[in-house]
Amino acid sequence: MFTSTFTFAKREFDEAFHALDQVIADTAKSIPGYLGEESWENATTGLISNVYYWETMEALQVLMQHPAHLEAKAQQSRWLNGYHIVIAQVVGSYGDGGIAHPLNAVLPTRPQQQTSASE
């Protein structure tokens, strides 16, 4: 599994941005191998982070090569004050099942392990 994390500083979002963003979101969700996403905003810096989860690198590349994504990339300076992307391979994921997460359906939860004070 893979993640693509898109962190950015926003400028003004106009109607064209929202329309293109919706096309990209709908496209991502339609790609076989898309597992889900999360969004985060840092209240201190104002940066926004979107994390997309993918079953395979090939699924992620389908989105990266989609015309709407390429158009957004070409026009990003209209709407963003900067961005950074991290592509990572997921080597593990677990929790207690108490919160919803895009990988809950793909990877089993594992019970919390007791640790000693020296760990």
Protein backbone atom coordinates (compact mmCIF):
# COMPACT_ATOMS: atom_id res chain seq x y z
CA MET A 1 0.00 0.00 0.00
CA PHE A 2 1.01 3.60 -0.58
CA THR A 3 0.13 7.07 0.59
CA SER A 4 0.36 10.34 -1.25
CA THR A 5 0.38 13.32 1.08
CA PHE A 6 -0.26 16.72 -0.46
CA THR A 7 0.55 19.57 1.93
CA PHE A 8 -0.09 23.13 0.81
CA ALA A 9 -0.55 26.76 1.75
CA LYS A 10 -3.67 28.15 0.14
CA ARG A 11 -4.40 31.41 -1.58
CA GLU A 12 -7.90 32.33 -2.67
CA PHE A 13 -9.95 29.44 -4.03
CA ASP A 14 -12.27 30.45 -6.85
CA GLU A 15 -15.04 28.62 -8.69
CA ALA A 16 -12.55 27.12 -11.17
CA PHE A 17 -10.51 25.66 -8.30
CA HIS A 18 -13.53 24.08 -6.63
CA ALA A 19 -14.74 22.58 -9.92
CA LEU A 20 -11.32 21.11 -10.74
CA ASP A 21 -10.84 19.88 -7.17
CA GLN A 22 -14.19 18.06 -7.35
CA VAL A 23 -13.24 16.38 -10.63
CA ILE A 24 -9.95 15.20 -9.10
CA ALA A 25 -11.70 13.93 -5.95
CA ASP A 26 -14.32 12.05 -7.97
CA THR A 27 -11.64 10.64 -10.26
CA ALA A 28 -9.54 9.42 -7.33
CA LYS A 29 -12.53 7.66 -5.77
CA SER A 30 -13.31 5.92 -9.07
CA ILE A 31 -9.83 4.42 -9.52
CA PRO A 32 -9.57 0.75 -8.58
CA GLY A 33 -7.04 0.66 -5.74
CA TYR A 34 -8.15 3.92 -4.09
CA LEU A 35 -8.62 3.13 -0.39
CA GLY A 36 -9.64 6.47 1.10
CA GLU A 37 -8.35 9.80 2.28
CA GLU A 38 -7.97 12.13 5.22
CA SER A 39 -7.49 15.89 5.46
CA TRP A 40 -5.76 17.88 8.17
CA GLU A 41 -5.21 21.56 8.83
CA ASN A 42 -2.51 22.95 11.07
CA ALA A 43 -4.14 25.81 13.00
CA THR A 44 -0.75 27.38 13.78
CA THR A 45 0.73 27.43 10.27
CA GLY A 46 -2.47 27.33 8.22
CA LEU A 47 -1.07 24.48 6.14
CA ILE A 48 -3.50 21.87 4.86
CA SER A 49 -2.59 18.23 4.28
CA ASN A 50 -4.55 15.71 2.24
CA VAL A 51 -3.49 12.08 2.65
CA TYR A 52 -4.66 9.61 0.01
CA TYR A 53 -4.34 5.84 0.53
CA TRP A 54 -3.69 3.53 -2.42
CA GLU A 55 -3.53 -0.23 -2.80
CA THR A 56 -0.79 0.01 -5.44
CA MET A 57 1.62 2.52 -6.91
CA GLU A 58 -0.04 1.92 -10.28
CA ALA A 59 -3.38 3.13 -8.88
CA LEU A 60 -1.73 6.29 -7.58
CA GLN A 61 -0.08 6.87 -10.95
CA VAL A 62 -3.45 6.69 -12.70
CA LEU A 63 -4.50 9.78 -10.74
CA MET A 64 -1.15 11.51 -11.23
CA GLN A 65 -1.49 11.10 -15.01
CA HIS A 66 -5.16 12.11 -15.22
CA PRO A 67 -5.75 15.28 -17.31
CA ALA A 68 -7.54 17.09 -14.44
CA HIS A 69 -4.62 16.43 -12.09
CA LEU A 70 -2.13 17.63 -14.71
CA GLU A 71 -4.23 20.77 -15.26
CA ALA A 72 -4.33 21.48 -11.51
CA LYS A 73 -0.58 21.00 -11.28
CA ALA A 74 -0.01 23.44 -14.15
CA GLN A 75 -2.25 26.07 -12.53
CA GLN A 76 -1.36 25.48 -8.87
CA SER A 77 0.28 28.92 -8.43
CA ARG A 78 -3.16 30.53 -9.00
CA TRP A 79 -4.48 28.91 -5.84
CA LEU A 80 -1.49 27.89 -3.72
CA ASN A 81 1.32 29.71 -1.94
CA GLY A 82 3.44 26.57 -2.04
CA TYR A 83 3.09 22.82 -1.75
CA HIS A 84 4.97 19.65 -0.94
CA ILE A 85 4.13 16.05 -1.84
CA VAL A 86 5.30 12.90 -0.08
CA ILE A 87 4.78 9.45 -1.62
CA ALA A 88 5.33 6.68 0.92
CA GLN A 89 4.94 2.94 1.15
CA VAL A 90 2.84 1.79 4.08
CA VAL A 91 4.76 -0.79 6.10
CA GLY A 92 2.19 -1.12 8.85
CA SER A 93 -1.03 0.28 10.19
CA TYR A 94 -2.98 -0.61 13.30
CA GLY A 95 -5.25 0.77 15.96
CA ASP A 96 -7.81 -0.30 18.48
CA GLY A 97 -10.70 0.10 16.02
CA GLY A 98 -12.17 2.95 18.02
CA ILE A 99 -11.97 5.49 15.20
CA ALA A 100 -12.75 5.25 11.52
CA HIS A 101 -9.72 5.14 9.24
CA PRO A 102 -9.40 4.39 5.52
CA LEU A 103 -7.14 1.40 6.21
CA ASN A 104 -9.39 -0.25 8.83
CA ALA A 105 -11.11 -2.28 6.13
CA VAL A 106 -7.83 -3.34 4.54
CA LEU A 107 -5.54 -4.04 7.47
CA PRO A 108 -6.71 -5.75 10.64
CA THR A 109 -6.55 -3.93 13.92
CA ARG A 110 -4.16 -5.36 16.42
CA PRO A 111 -4.70 -5.24 20.15
CA GLN A 112 -2.60 -2.81 22.14
CA GLN A 113 0.42 -4.49 23.59
CA GLN A 114 1.44 -3.96 27.18
CA THR A 115 4.91 -2.44 27.44
CA SER A 116 7.20 -2.36 30.41
CA ALA A 117 8.43 0.89 31.92
CA SER A 118 11.90 0.26 30.42
CA GLU A 119 10.60 0.23 26.82
